[in-house]
């Protein structure tokens, strides 16, 4: 297991959904997960 963190600057953090993407060498960037601004809704790639 690993836990990734993403620290954001700015004062409008809660007004934006945030997402995680990944890219392996030689492959296209792919979506991993996203979360709504309030944190109540999330969405995941099948993987």
ModelCIF file with pLDDT and N, C-alpha, C, O atoms, coordinates in Angstrom:
data_MODEL
#
_entry.id   MODEL 
#
_entity.id                         1 
_entity.type                       polymer 
_entity.pdbx_number_of_molecules   1 
#
_entity_poly.entity_id                      1 
_entity_poly.type                           'polypeptide(L)' 
_entity_poly.nstd_linkage                   no 
_entity_poly.nstd_monomer                   no 
_entity_poly.pdbx_seq_one_letter_code       
;(UNK)(UNK)(UNK)(UNK)(UNK)(UNK)(UNK)(UNK)(UNK)(UNK)(UNK)(UNK)(UNK)(UNK)(UNK)(UNK)
(UNK)(UNK)(UNK)(UNK)(UNK)(UNK)(UNK)(UNK)(UNK)(UNK)(UNK)(UNK)(UNK)(UNK)(UNK)(UNK)
(UNK)(UNK)(UNK)(UNK)(UNK)(UNK)(UNK)(UNK)(UNK)(UNK)(UNK)(UNK)(UNK)(UNK)(UNK)
;
_entity_poly.pdbx_seq_one_letter_code_can   XXXXXXXXXXXXXXXXXXXXXXXXXXXXXXXXXXXXXXXXXXXXXXX 
_entity_poly.pdbx_strand_id                 A 
#
loop_
_entity_poly_seq.entity_id 
_entity_poly_seq.num 
_entity_poly_seq.mon_id 
_entity_poly_seq.hetero 
1 1  UNK n 
1 2  UNK n 
1 3  UNK n 
1 4  UNK n 
1 5  UNK n 
1 6  UNK n 
1 7  UNK n 
1 8  UNK n 
1 9  UNK n 
1 10 UNK n 
1 11 UNK n 
1 12 UNK n 
1 13 UNK n 
1 14 UNK n 
1 15 UNK n 
1 16 UNK n 
1 17 UNK n 
1 18 UNK n 
1 19 UNK n 
1 20 UNK n 
1 21 UNK n 
1 22 UNK n 
1 23 UNK n 
1 24 UNK n 
1 25 UNK n 
1 26 UNK n 
1 27 UNK n 
1 28 UNK n 
1 29 UNK n 
1 30 UNK n 
1 31 UNK n 
1 32 UNK n 
1 33 UNK n 
1 34 UNK n 
1 35 UNK n 
1 36 UNK n 
1 37 UNK n 
1 38 UNK n 
1 39 UNK n 
1 40 UNK n 
1 41 UNK n 
1 42 UNK n 
1 43 UNK n 
1 44 UNK n 
1 45 UNK n 
1 46 UNK n 
1 47 UNK n 
#
_struct_asym.id          A 
_struct_asym.entity_id   1 
#
loop_
_ma_qa_metric.id 
_ma_qa_metric.mode 
_ma_qa_metric.name 
_ma_qa_metric.software_group_id 
_ma_qa_metric.type 
1 global pLDDT . pLDDT 
2 local  pLDDT . pLDDT 
#
_ma_qa_metric_global.metric_id      1 
_ma_qa_metric_global.metric_value   94.04 
_ma_qa_metric_global.model_id       1 
_ma_qa_metric_global.ordinal_id     1 
#
loop_
_ma_qa_metric_local.label_asym_id 
_ma_qa_metric_local.label_comp_id 
_ma_qa_metric_local.label_seq_id 
_ma_qa_metric_local.metric_id 
_ma_qa_metric_local.metric_value 
_ma_qa_metric_local.model_id 
_ma_qa_metric_local.ordinal_id 
A UNK 1  2 98.00 1 1  
A UNK 2  2 98.00 1 2  
A UNK 3  2 98.00 1 3  
A UNK 4  2 98.00 1 4  
A UNK 5  2 98.00 1 5  
A UNK 6  2 98.00 1 6  
A UNK 7  2 97.00 1 7  
A UNK 8  2 95.00 1 8  
A UNK 9  2 92.00 1 9  
A UNK 10 2 80.00 1 10 
A UNK 11 2 79.00 1 11 
A UNK 12 2 83.00 1 12 
A UNK 13 2 84.00 1 13 
A UNK 14 2 82.00 1 14 
A UNK 15 2 88.00 1 15 
A UNK 16 2 94.00 1 16 
A UNK 17 2 95.00 1 17 
A UNK 18 2 96.00 1 18 
A UNK 19 2 97.00 1 19 
A UNK 20 2 98.00 1 20 
A UNK 21 2 98.00 1 21 
A UNK 22 2 98.00 1 22 
A UNK 23 2 98.00 1 23 
A UNK 24 2 97.00 1 24 
A UNK 25 2 92.00 1 25 
A UNK 26 2 94.00 1 26 
A UNK 27 2 96.00 1 27 
A UNK 28 2 97.00 1 28 
A UNK 29 2 97.00 1 29 
A UNK 30 2 97.00 1 30 
A UNK 31 2 97.00 1 31 
A UNK 32 2 98.00 1 32 
A UNK 33 2 98.00 1 33 
A UNK 34 2 97.00 1 34 
A UNK 35 2 96.00 1 35 
A UNK 36 2 94.00 1 36 
A UNK 37 2 92.00 1 37 
A UNK 38 2 90.00 1 38 
A UNK 39 2 88.00 1 39 
A UNK 40 2 90.00 1 40 
A UNK 41 2 93.00 1 41 
A UNK 42 2 95.00 1 42 
A UNK 43 2 96.00 1 43 
A UNK 44 2 96.00 1 44 
A UNK 45 2 96.00 1 45 
A UNK 46 2 96.00 1 46 
A UNK 47 2 96.00 1 47 
#
loop_
_atom_site.group_PDB 
_atom_site.id 
_atom_site.type_symbol 
_atom_site.label_atom_id 
_atom_site.label_alt_id 
_atom_site.label_comp_id 
_atom_site.label_asym_id 
_atom_site.label_entity_id 
_atom_site.label_seq_id 
_atom_site.pdbx_PDB_ins_code 
_atom_site.Cartn_x 
_atom_site.Cartn_y 
_atom_site.Cartn_z 
_atom_site.occupancy 
_atom_site.B_iso_or_equiv 
_atom_site.pdbx_formal_charge 
_atom_site.auth_seq_id 
_atom_site.auth_comp_id 
_atom_site.auth_asym_id 
_atom_site.auth_atom_id 
_atom_site.pdbx_PDB_model_num 
ATOM 1   N N  . UNK A 1 1  ? 0.826   -1.204 0.000   1.00 98.00 ? 1  UNK A N  1 
ATOM 2   C CA . UNK A 1 1  ? 0.000   0.000  0.000   1.00 98.00 ? 1  UNK A CA 1 
ATOM 3   C C  . UNK A 1 1  ? 0.861   1.255  0.000   1.00 98.00 ? 1  UNK A C  1 
ATOM 4   O O  . UNK A 1 1  ? 2.001   1.250  0.465   1.00 98.00 ? 1  UNK A O  1 
ATOM 5   N N  . UNK A 1 2  ? 0.296   2.314  -0.525  1.00 98.00 ? 2  UNK A N  1 
ATOM 6   C CA . UNK A 1 2  ? 0.901   3.634  -0.479  1.00 98.00 ? 2  UNK A CA 1 
ATOM 7   C C  . UNK A 1 2  ? -0.210  4.663  -0.351  1.00 98.00 ? 2  UNK A C  1 
ATOM 8   O O  . UNK A 1 2  ? -1.333  4.444  -0.804  1.00 98.00 ? 2  UNK A O  1 
ATOM 9   N N  . UNK A 1 3  ? 0.113   5.779  0.267   1.00 98.00 ? 3  UNK A N  1 
ATOM 10  C CA . UNK A 1 3  ? -0.818  6.903  0.297   1.00 98.00 ? 3  UNK A CA 1 
ATOM 11  C C  . UNK A 1 3  ? -0.158  8.116  -0.336  1.00 98.00 ? 3  UNK A C  1 
ATOM 12  O O  . UNK A 1 3  ? 0.864   8.610  0.139   1.00 98.00 ? 3  UNK A O  1 
ATOM 13  N N  . UNK A 1 4  ? -0.756  8.576  -1.400  1.00 98.00 ? 4  UNK A N  1 
ATOM 14  C CA . UNK A 1 4  ? -0.282  9.774  -2.071  1.00 98.00 ? 4  UNK A CA 1 
ATOM 15  C C  . UNK A 1 4  ? -1.006  10.987 -1.503  1.00 98.00 ? 4  UNK A C  1 
ATOM 16  O O  . UNK A 1 4  ? -2.180  10.916 -1.140  1.00 98.00 ? 4  UNK A O  1 
ATOM 17  N N  . UNK A 1 5  ? -0.288  12.096 -1.433  1.00 98.00 ? 5  UNK A N  1 
ATOM 18  C CA . UNK A 1 5  ? -0.860  13.355 -0.986  1.00 98.00 ? 5  UNK A CA 1 
ATOM 19  C C  . UNK A 1 5  ? -0.670  14.415 -2.058  1.00 98.00 ? 5  UNK A C  1 
ATOM 20  O O  . UNK A 1 5  ? 0.296   14.379 -2.821  1.00 98.00 ? 5  UNK A O  1 
ATOM 21  N N  . UNK A 1 6  ? -1.590  15.344 -2.105  1.00 98.00 ? 6  UNK A N  1 
ATOM 22  C CA . UNK A 1 6  ? -1.494  16.468 -3.031  1.00 98.00 ? 6  UNK A CA 1 
ATOM 23  C C  . UNK A 1 6  ? -1.880  17.721 -2.263  1.00 98.00 ? 6  UNK A C  1 
ATOM 24  O O  . UNK A 1 6  ? -3.047  17.919 -1.923  1.00 98.00 ? 6  UNK A O  1 
ATOM 25  N N  . UNK A 1 7  ? -0.893  18.564 -1.992  1.00 97.00 ? 7  UNK A N  1 
ATOM 26  C CA . UNK A 1 7  ? -1.130  19.804 -1.271  1.00 97.00 ? 7  UNK A CA 1 
ATOM 27  C C  . UNK A 1 7  ? -1.383  20.923 -2.268  1.00 97.00 ? 7  UNK A C  1 
ATOM 28  O O  . UNK A 1 7  ? -0.607  21.133 -3.201  1.00 97.00 ? 7  UNK A O  1 
ATOM 29  N N  . UNK A 1 8  ? -2.484  21.639 -2.056  1.00 95.00 ? 8  UNK A N  1 
ATOM 30  C CA . UNK A 1 8  ? -2.880  22.694 -2.985  1.00 95.00 ? 8  UNK A CA 1 
ATOM 31  C C  . UNK A 1 8  ? -2.761  24.056 -2.335  1.00 95.00 ? 8  UNK A C  1 
ATOM 32  O O  . UNK A 1 8  ? -3.121  24.238 -1.172  1.00 95.00 ? 8  UNK A O  1 
ATOM 33  N N  . UNK A 1 9  ? -2.255  25.008 -3.095  1.00 92.00 ? 9  UNK A N  1 
ATOM 34  C CA . UNK A 1 9  ? -2.246  26.391 -2.635  1.00 92.00 ? 9  UNK A CA 1 
ATOM 35  C C  . UNK A 1 9  ? -3.539  27.054 -3.086  1.00 92.00 ? 9  UNK A C  1 
ATOM 36  O O  . UNK A 1 9  ? -4.279  26.492 -3.893  1.00 92.00 ? 9  UNK A O  1 
ATOM 37  N N  . UNK A 1 10 ? -3.805  28.220 -2.579  1.00 80.00 ? 10 UNK A N  1 
ATOM 38  C CA . UNK A 1 10 ? -4.999  28.930 -3.017  1.00 80.00 ? 10 UNK A CA 1 
ATOM 39  C C  . UNK A 1 10 ? -6.133  28.838 -2.018  1.00 80.00 ? 10 UNK A C  1 
ATOM 40  O O  . UNK A 1 10 ? -6.156  27.964 -1.151  1.00 80.00 ? 10 UNK A O  1 
ATOM 41  N N  . UNK A 1 11 ? -7.081  29.766 -2.160  1.00 79.00 ? 11 UNK A N  1 
ATOM 42  C CA . UNK A 1 11 ? -8.146  29.888 -1.182  1.00 79.00 ? 11 UNK A CA 1 
ATOM 43  C C  . UNK A 1 11 ? -9.472  29.329 -1.665  1.00 79.00 ? 11 UNK A C  1 
ATOM 44  O O  . UNK A 1 11 ? -10.484 29.462 -0.977  1.00 79.00 ? 11 UNK A O  1 
ATOM 45  N N  . UNK A 1 12 ? -9.485  28.707 -2.835  1.00 83.00 ? 12 UNK A N  1 
ATOM 46  C CA . UNK A 1 12 ? -10.744 28.184 -3.378  1.00 83.00 ? 12 UNK A CA 1 
ATOM 47  C C  . UNK A 1 12 ? -10.726 26.669 -3.479  1.00 83.00 ? 12 UNK A C  1 
ATOM 48  O O  . UNK A 1 12 ? -11.395 26.085 -4.331  1.00 83.00 ? 12 UNK A O  1 
ATOM 49  N N  . UNK A 1 13 ? -9.959  26.042 -2.608  1.00 84.00 ? 13 UNK A N  1 
ATOM 50  C CA . UNK A 1 13 ? -9.794  24.587 -2.677  1.00 84.00 ? 13 UNK A CA 1 
ATOM 51  C C  . UNK A 1 13 ? -11.130 23.866 -2.658  1.00 84.00 ? 13 UNK A C  1 
ATOM 52  O O  . UNK A 1 13 ? -11.353 22.947 -3.446  1.00 84.00 ? 13 UNK A O  1 
ATOM 53  N N  . UNK A 1 14 ? -12.010 24.271 -1.773  1.00 82.00 ? 14 UNK A N  1 
ATOM 54  C CA . UNK A 1 14 ? -13.286 23.592 -1.629  1.00 82.00 ? 14 UNK A CA 1 
ATOM 55  C C  . UNK A 1 14 ? -14.257 23.833 -2.765  1.00 82.00 ? 14 UNK A C  1 
ATOM 56  O O  . UNK A 1 14 ? -15.314 23.205 -2.814  1.00 82.00 ? 14 UNK A O  1 
ATOM 57  N N  . UNK A 1 15 ? -13.923 24.727 -3.677  1.00 88.00 ? 15 UNK A N  1 
ATOM 58  C CA . UNK A 1 15 ? -14.809 25.048 -4.791  1.00 88.00 ? 15 UNK A CA 1 
ATOM 59  C C  . UNK A 1 15 ? -14.519 24.227 -6.037  1.00 88.00 ? 15 UNK A C  1 
ATOM 60  O O  . UNK A 1 15 ? -15.132 24.428 -7.086  1.00 88.00 ? 15 UNK A O  1 
ATOM 61  N N  . UNK A 1 16 ? -13.587 23.312 -5.912  1.00 94.00 ? 16 UNK A N  1 
ATOM 62  C CA . UNK A 1 16 ? -13.183 22.546 -7.086  1.00 94.00 ? 16 UNK A CA 1 
ATOM 63  C C  . UNK A 1 16 ? -13.107 21.057 -6.782  1.00 94.00 ? 16 UNK A C  1 
ATOM 64  O O  . UNK A 1 16 ? -12.609 20.634 -5.738  1.00 94.00 ? 16 UNK A O  1 
ATOM 65  N N  . UNK A 1 17 ? -13.615 20.284 -7.721  1.00 95.00 ? 17 UNK A N  1 
ATOM 66  C CA . UNK A 1 17 ? -13.348 18.848 -7.663  1.00 95.00 ? 17 UNK A CA 1 
ATOM 67  C C  . UNK A 1 17 ? -11.859 18.630 -7.938  1.00 95.00 ? 17 UNK A C  1 
ATOM 68  O O  . UNK A 1 17 ? -11.214 19.446 -8.596  1.00 95.00 ? 17 UNK A O  1 
ATOM 69  N N  . UNK A 1 18 ? -11.340 17.549 -7.440  1.00 96.00 ? 18 UNK A N  1 
ATOM 70  C CA . UNK A 1 18 ? -9.925  17.220 -7.636  1.00 96.00 ? 18 UNK A CA 1 
ATOM 71  C C  . UNK A 1 18 ? -9.822  15.794 -8.179  1.00 96.00 ? 18 UNK A C  1 
ATOM 72  O O  . UNK A 1 18 ? -10.660 14.939 -7.891  1.00 96.00 ? 18 UNK A O  1 
ATOM 73  N N  . UNK A 1 19 ? -8.792  15.565 -8.957  1.00 97.00 ? 19 UNK A N  1 
ATOM 74  C CA . UNK A 1 19 ? -8.629  14.241 -9.543  1.00 97.00 ? 19 UNK A CA 1 
ATOM 75  C C  . UNK A 1 19 ? -7.199  13.749 -9.475  1.00 97.00 ? 19 UNK A C  1 
ATOM 76  O O  . UNK A 1 19 ? -6.258  14.524 -9.301  1.00 97.00 ? 19 UNK A O  1 
ATOM 77  N N  . UNK A 1 20 ? -7.061  12.467 -9.615  1.00 98.00 ? 20 UNK A N  1 
ATOM 78  C CA . UNK A 1 20 ? -5.756  11.814 -9.754  1.00 98.00 ? 20 UNK A CA 1 
ATOM 79  C C  . UNK A 1 20 ? -5.705  11.121 -11.114 1.00 98.00 ? 20 UNK A C  1 
ATOM 80  O O  . UNK A 1 20 ? -6.651  10.451 -11.527 1.00 98.00 ? 20 UNK A O  1 
ATOM 81  N N  . UNK A 1 21 ? -4.597  11.298 -11.782 1.00 98.00 ? 21 UNK A N  1 
ATOM 82  C CA . UNK A 1 21 ? -4.331  10.640 -13.053 1.00 98.00 ? 21 UNK A CA 1 
ATOM 83  C C  . UNK A 1 21 ? -2.975  9.947  -12.949 1.00 98.00 ? 21 UNK A C  1 
ATOM 84  O O  . UNK A 1 21 ? -2.204  10.214 -12.028 1.00 98.00 ? 21 UNK A O  1 
ATOM 85  N N  . UNK A 1 22 ? -2.694  9.065  -13.887 1.00 98.00 ? 22 UNK A N  1 
ATOM 86  C CA . UNK A 1 22 ? -1.374  8.430  -13.902 1.00 98.00 ? 22 UNK A CA 1 
ATOM 87  C C  . UNK A 1 22 ? -0.921  8.215  -15.342 1.00 98.00 ? 22 UNK A C  1 
ATOM 88  O O  . UNK A 1 22 ? -1.728  8.149  -16.269 1.00 98.00 ? 22 UNK A O  1 
ATOM 89  N N  . UNK A 1 23 ? 0.371   8.110  -15.495 1.00 98.00 ? 23 UNK A N  1 
ATOM 90  C CA . UNK A 1 23 ? 0.936   7.858  -16.816 1.00 98.00 ? 23 UNK A CA 1 
ATOM 91  C C  . UNK A 1 23 ? 2.153   6.972  -16.685 1.00 98.00 ? 23 UNK A C  1 
ATOM 92  O O  . UNK A 1 23 ? 3.115   7.309  -15.995 1.00 98.00 ? 23 UNK A O  1 
ATOM 93  N N  . UNK A 1 24 ? 2.101   5.850  -17.348 1.00 97.00 ? 24 UNK A N  1 
ATOM 94  C CA . UNK A 1 24 ? 3.229   4.922  -17.391 1.00 97.00 ? 24 UNK A CA 1 
ATOM 95  C C  . UNK A 1 24 ? 4.066   5.208  -18.631 1.00 97.00 ? 24 UNK A C  1 
ATOM 96  O O  . UNK A 1 24 ? 3.549   5.752  -19.606 1.00 97.00 ? 24 UNK A O  1 
ATOM 97  N N  . UNK A 1 25 ? 5.334   4.857  -18.612 1.00 92.00 ? 25 UNK A N  1 
ATOM 98  C CA . UNK A 1 25 ? 6.191   5.100  -19.787 1.00 92.00 ? 25 UNK A CA 1 
ATOM 99  C C  . UNK A 1 25 ? 5.612   4.473  -21.045 1.00 92.00 ? 25 UNK A C  1 
ATOM 100 O O  . UNK A 1 25 ? 5.240   3.299  -21.049 1.00 92.00 ? 25 UNK A O  1 
ATOM 101 N N  . UNK A 1 26 ? 5.538   5.259  -22.110 1.00 94.00 ? 26 UNK A N  1 
ATOM 102 C CA . UNK A 1 26 ? 5.046   4.758  -23.378 1.00 94.00 ? 26 UNK A CA 1 
ATOM 103 C C  . UNK A 1 26 ? 3.538   4.629  -23.472 1.00 94.00 ? 26 UNK A C  1 
ATOM 104 O O  . UNK A 1 26 ? 3.012   4.155  -24.478 1.00 94.00 ? 26 UNK A O  1 
ATOM 105 N N  . UNK A 1 27 ? 2.842   5.050  -22.428 1.00 96.00 ? 27 UNK A N  1 
ATOM 106 C CA . UNK A 1 27 ? 1.382   4.941  -22.430 1.00 96.00 ? 27 UNK A CA 1 
ATOM 107 C C  . UNK A 1 27 ? 0.743   6.311  -22.274 1.00 96.00 ? 27 UNK A C  1 
ATOM 108 O O  . UNK A 1 27 ? 1.387   7.265  -21.837 1.00 96.00 ? 27 UNK A O  1 
ATOM 109 N N  . UNK A 1 28 ? -0.517  6.395  -22.632 1.00 97.00 ? 28 UNK A N  1 
ATOM 110 C CA . UNK A 1 28 ? -1.239  7.637  -22.471 1.00 97.00 ? 28 UNK A CA 1 
ATOM 111 C C  . UNK A 1 28 ? -1.621  7.840  -21.010 1.00 97.00 ? 28 UNK A C  1 
ATOM 112 O O  . UNK A 1 28 ? -1.726  6.891  -20.233 1.00 97.00 ? 28 UNK A O  1 
ATOM 113 N N  . UNK A 1 29 ? -1.820  9.086  -20.670 1.00 97.00 ? 29 UNK A N  1 
ATOM 114 C CA . UNK A 1 29 ? -2.298  9.413  -19.332 1.00 97.00 ? 29 UNK A CA 1 
ATOM 115 C C  . UNK A 1 29 ? -3.686  8.815  -19.140 1.00 97.00 ? 29 UNK A C  1 
ATOM 116 O O  . UNK A 1 29 ? -4.519  8.842  -20.045 1.00 97.00 ? 29 UNK A O  1 
ATOM 117 N N  . UNK A 1 30 ? -3.921  8.278  -17.948 1.00 97.00 ? 30 UNK A N  1 
ATOM 118 C CA . UNK A 1 30 ? -5.241  7.719  -17.679 1.00 97.00 ? 30 UNK A CA 1 
ATOM 119 C C  . UNK A 1 30 ? -5.780  8.216  -16.340 1.00 97.00 ? 30 UNK A C  1 
ATOM 120 O O  . UNK A 1 30 ? -5.032  8.485  -15.399 1.00 97.00 ? 30 UNK A O  1 
ATOM 121 N N  . UNK A 1 31 ? -7.071  8.325  -16.295 1.00 97.00 ? 31 UNK A N  1 
ATOM 122 C CA . UNK A 1 31 ? -7.773  8.765  -15.103 1.00 97.00 ? 31 UNK A CA 1 
ATOM 123 C C  . UNK A 1 31 ? -7.750  7.668  -14.049 1.00 97.00 ? 31 UNK A C  1 
ATOM 124 O O  . UNK A 1 31 ? -7.829  6.481  -14.363 1.00 97.00 ? 31 UNK A O  1 
ATOM 125 N N  . UNK A 1 32 ? -7.641  8.089  -12.793 1.00 98.00 ? 32 UNK A N  1 
ATOM 126 C CA . UNK A 1 32 ? -7.650  7.133  -11.681 1.00 98.00 ? 32 UNK A CA 1 
ATOM 127 C C  . UNK A 1 32 ? -8.867  7.363  -10.789 1.00 98.00 ? 32 UNK A C  1 
ATOM 128 O O  . UNK A 1 32 ? -9.659  6.447  -10.572 1.00 98.00 ? 32 UNK A O  1 
ATOM 129 N N  . UNK A 1 33 ? -9.017  8.583  -10.272 1.00 98.00 ? 33 UNK A N  1 
ATOM 130 C CA . UNK A 1 33 ? -10.096 8.854  -9.325  1.00 98.00 ? 33 UNK A CA 1 
ATOM 131 C C  . UNK A 1 33 ? -10.334 10.354 -9.262  1.00 98.00 ? 33 UNK A C  1 
ATOM 132 O O  . UNK A 1 33 ? -9.460  11.152 -9.603  1.00 98.00 ? 33 UNK A O  1 
ATOM 133 N N  . UNK A 1 34 ? -11.538 10.727 -8.817  1.00 97.00 ? 34 UNK A N  1 
ATOM 134 C CA . UNK A 1 34 ? -11.879 12.132 -8.625  1.00 97.00 ? 34 UNK A CA 1 
ATOM 135 C C  . UNK A 1 34 ? -12.798 12.262 -7.428  1.00 97.00 ? 34 UNK A C  1 
ATOM 136 O O  . UNK A 1 34 ? -13.488 11.316 -7.047  1.00 97.00 ? 34 UNK A O  1 
ATOM 137 N N  . UNK A 1 35 ? -12.798 13.457 -6.835  1.00 96.00 ? 35 UNK A N  1 
ATOM 138 C CA . UNK A 1 35 ? -13.631 13.706 -5.676  1.00 96.00 ? 35 UNK A CA 1 
ATOM 139 C C  . UNK A 1 35 ? -14.217 15.107 -5.797  1.00 96.00 ? 35 UNK A C  1 
ATOM 140 O O  . UNK A 1 35 ? -13.542 16.022 -6.269  1.00 96.00 ? 35 UNK A O  1 
ATOM 141 N N  . UNK A 1 36 ? -15.460 15.281 -5.376  1.00 94.00 ? 36 UNK A N  1 
ATOM 142 C CA . UNK A 1 36 ? -16.118 16.573 -5.475  1.00 94.00 ? 36 UNK A CA 1 
ATOM 143 C C  . UNK A 1 36 ? -15.516 17.578 -4.501  1.00 94.00 ? 36 UNK A C  1 
ATOM 144 O O  . UNK A 1 36 ? -14.755 17.216 -3.604  1.00 94.00 ? 36 UNK A O  1 
ATOM 145 N N  . UNK A 1 37 ? -15.868 18.842 -4.693  1.00 92.00 ? 37 UNK A N  1 
ATOM 146 C CA . UNK A 1 37 ? -15.306 19.893 -3.873  1.00 92.00 ? 37 UNK A CA 1 
ATOM 147 C C  . UNK A 1 37 ? -15.581 19.708 -2.391  1.00 92.00 ? 37 UNK A C  1 
ATOM 148 O O  . UNK A 1 37 ? -14.724 20.007 -1.559  1.00 92.00 ? 37 UNK A O  1 
ATOM 149 N N  . UNK A 1 38 ? -16.756 19.221 -2.057  1.00 90.00 ? 38 UNK A N  1 
ATOM 150 C CA . UNK A 1 38 ? -17.101 19.005 -0.669  1.00 90.00 ? 38 UNK A CA 1 
ATOM 151 C C  . UNK A 1 38 ? -16.678 17.654 -0.126  1.00 90.00 ? 38 UNK A C  1 
ATOM 152 O O  . UNK A 1 38 ? -16.782 17.396 1.073   1.00 90.00 ? 38 UNK A O  1 
ATOM 153 N N  . UNK A 1 39 ? -16.207 16.805 -1.001  1.00 88.00 ? 39 UNK A N  1 
ATOM 154 C CA . UNK A 1 39 ? -15.739 15.485 -0.588  1.00 88.00 ? 39 UNK A CA 1 
ATOM 155 C C  . UNK A 1 39 ? -16.814 14.420 -0.486  1.00 88.00 ? 39 UNK A C  1 
ATOM 156 O O  . UNK A 1 39 ? -16.525 13.281 -0.118  1.00 88.00 ? 39 UNK A O  1 
ATOM 157 N N  . UNK A 1 40 ? -18.047 14.775 -0.807  1.00 90.00 ? 40 UNK A N  1 
ATOM 158 C CA . UNK A 1 40 ? -19.125 13.817 -0.627  1.00 90.00 ? 40 UNK A CA 1 
ATOM 159 C C  . UNK A 1 40 ? -19.321 12.836 -1.753  1.00 90.00 ? 40 UNK A C  1 
ATOM 160 O O  . UNK A 1 40 ? -20.001 11.823 -1.589  1.00 90.00 ? 40 UNK A O  1 
ATOM 161 N N  . UNK A 1 41 ? -18.730 13.126 -2.903  1.00 93.00 ? 41 UNK A N  1 
ATOM 162 C CA . UNK A 1 41 ? -18.913 12.272 -4.073  1.00 93.00 ? 41 UNK A CA 1 
ATOM 163 C C  . UNK A 1 41 ? -17.553 11.938 -4.668  1.00 93.00 ? 41 UNK A C  1 
ATOM 164 O O  . UNK A 1 41 ? -16.691 12.806 -4.799  1.00 93.00 ? 41 UNK A O  1 
ATOM 165 N N  . UNK A 1 42 ? -17.373 10.690 -5.021  1.00 95.00 ? 42 UNK A N  1 
ATOM 166 C CA . UNK A 1 42 ? -16.127 10.263 -5.649  1.00 95.00 ? 42 UNK A CA 1 
ATOM 167 C C  . UNK A 1 42 ? -16.425 9.353  -6.832  1.00 95.00 ? 42 UNK A C  1 
ATOM 168 O O  . UNK A 1 42 ? -17.502 8.766  -6.928  1.00 95.00 ? 42 UNK A O  1 
ATOM 169 N N  . UNK A 1 43 ? -15.473 9.250  -7.711  1.00 96.00 ? 43 UNK A N  1 
ATOM 170 C CA . UNK A 1 43 ? -15.630 8.447  -8.922  1.00 96.00 ? 43 UNK A CA 1 
ATOM 171 C C  . UNK A 1 43 ? -14.295 7.802  -9.227  1.00 96.00 ? 43 UNK A C  1 
ATOM 172 O O  . UNK A 1 43 ? -13.245 8.432  -9.095  1.00 96.00 ? 43 UNK A O  1 
ATOM 173 N N  . UNK A 1 44 ? -14.338 6.536  -9.639  1.00 96.00 ? 44 UNK A N  1 
ATOM 174 C CA . UNK A 1 44 ? -13.108 5.780  -9.845  1.00 96.00 ? 44 UNK A CA 1 
ATOM 175 C C  . UNK A 1 44 ? -13.076 5.127  -11.223 1.00 96.00 ? 44 UNK A C  1 
ATOM 176 O O  . UNK A 1 44 ? -14.108 4.742  -11.772 1.00 96.00 ? 44 UNK A O  1 
ATOM 177 N N  . UNK A 1 45 ? -11.887 5.014  -11.756 1.00 96.00 ? 45 UNK A N  1 
ATOM 178 C CA . UNK A 1 45 ? -11.686 4.176  -12.923 1.00 96.00 ? 45 UNK A CA 1 
ATOM 179 C C  . UNK A 1 45 ? -11.893 2.723  -12.508 1.00 96.00 ? 45 UNK A C  1 
ATOM 180 O O  . UNK A 1 45 ? -11.708 2.375  -11.342 1.00 96.00 ? 45 UNK A O  1 
ATOM 181 N N  . UNK A 1 46 ? -12.271 1.888  -13.450 1.00 96.00 ? 46 UNK A N  1 
ATOM 182 C CA . UNK A 1 46 ? -12.496 0.482  -13.128 1.00 96.00 ? 46 UNK A CA 1 
ATOM 183 C C  . UNK A 1 46 ? -11.251 -0.159 -12.517 1.00 96.00 ? 46 UNK A C  1 
ATOM 184 O O  . UNK A 1 46 ? -11.350 -1.026 -11.650 1.00 96.00 ? 46 UNK A O  1 
ATOM 185 N N  . UNK A 1 47 ? -10.092 0.274  -12.975 1.00 96.00 ? 47 UNK A N  1 
ATOM 186 C CA . UNK A 1 47 ? -8.843  -0.305 -12.482 1.00 96.00 ? 47 UNK A CA 1 
ATOM 187 C C  . UNK A 1 47 ? -8.573  0.035  -11.019 1.00 96.00 ? 47 UNK A C  1 
ATOM 188 O O  . UNK A 1 47 ? -7.557  -0.384 -10.465 1.00 96.00 ? 47 UNK A O  1 
#
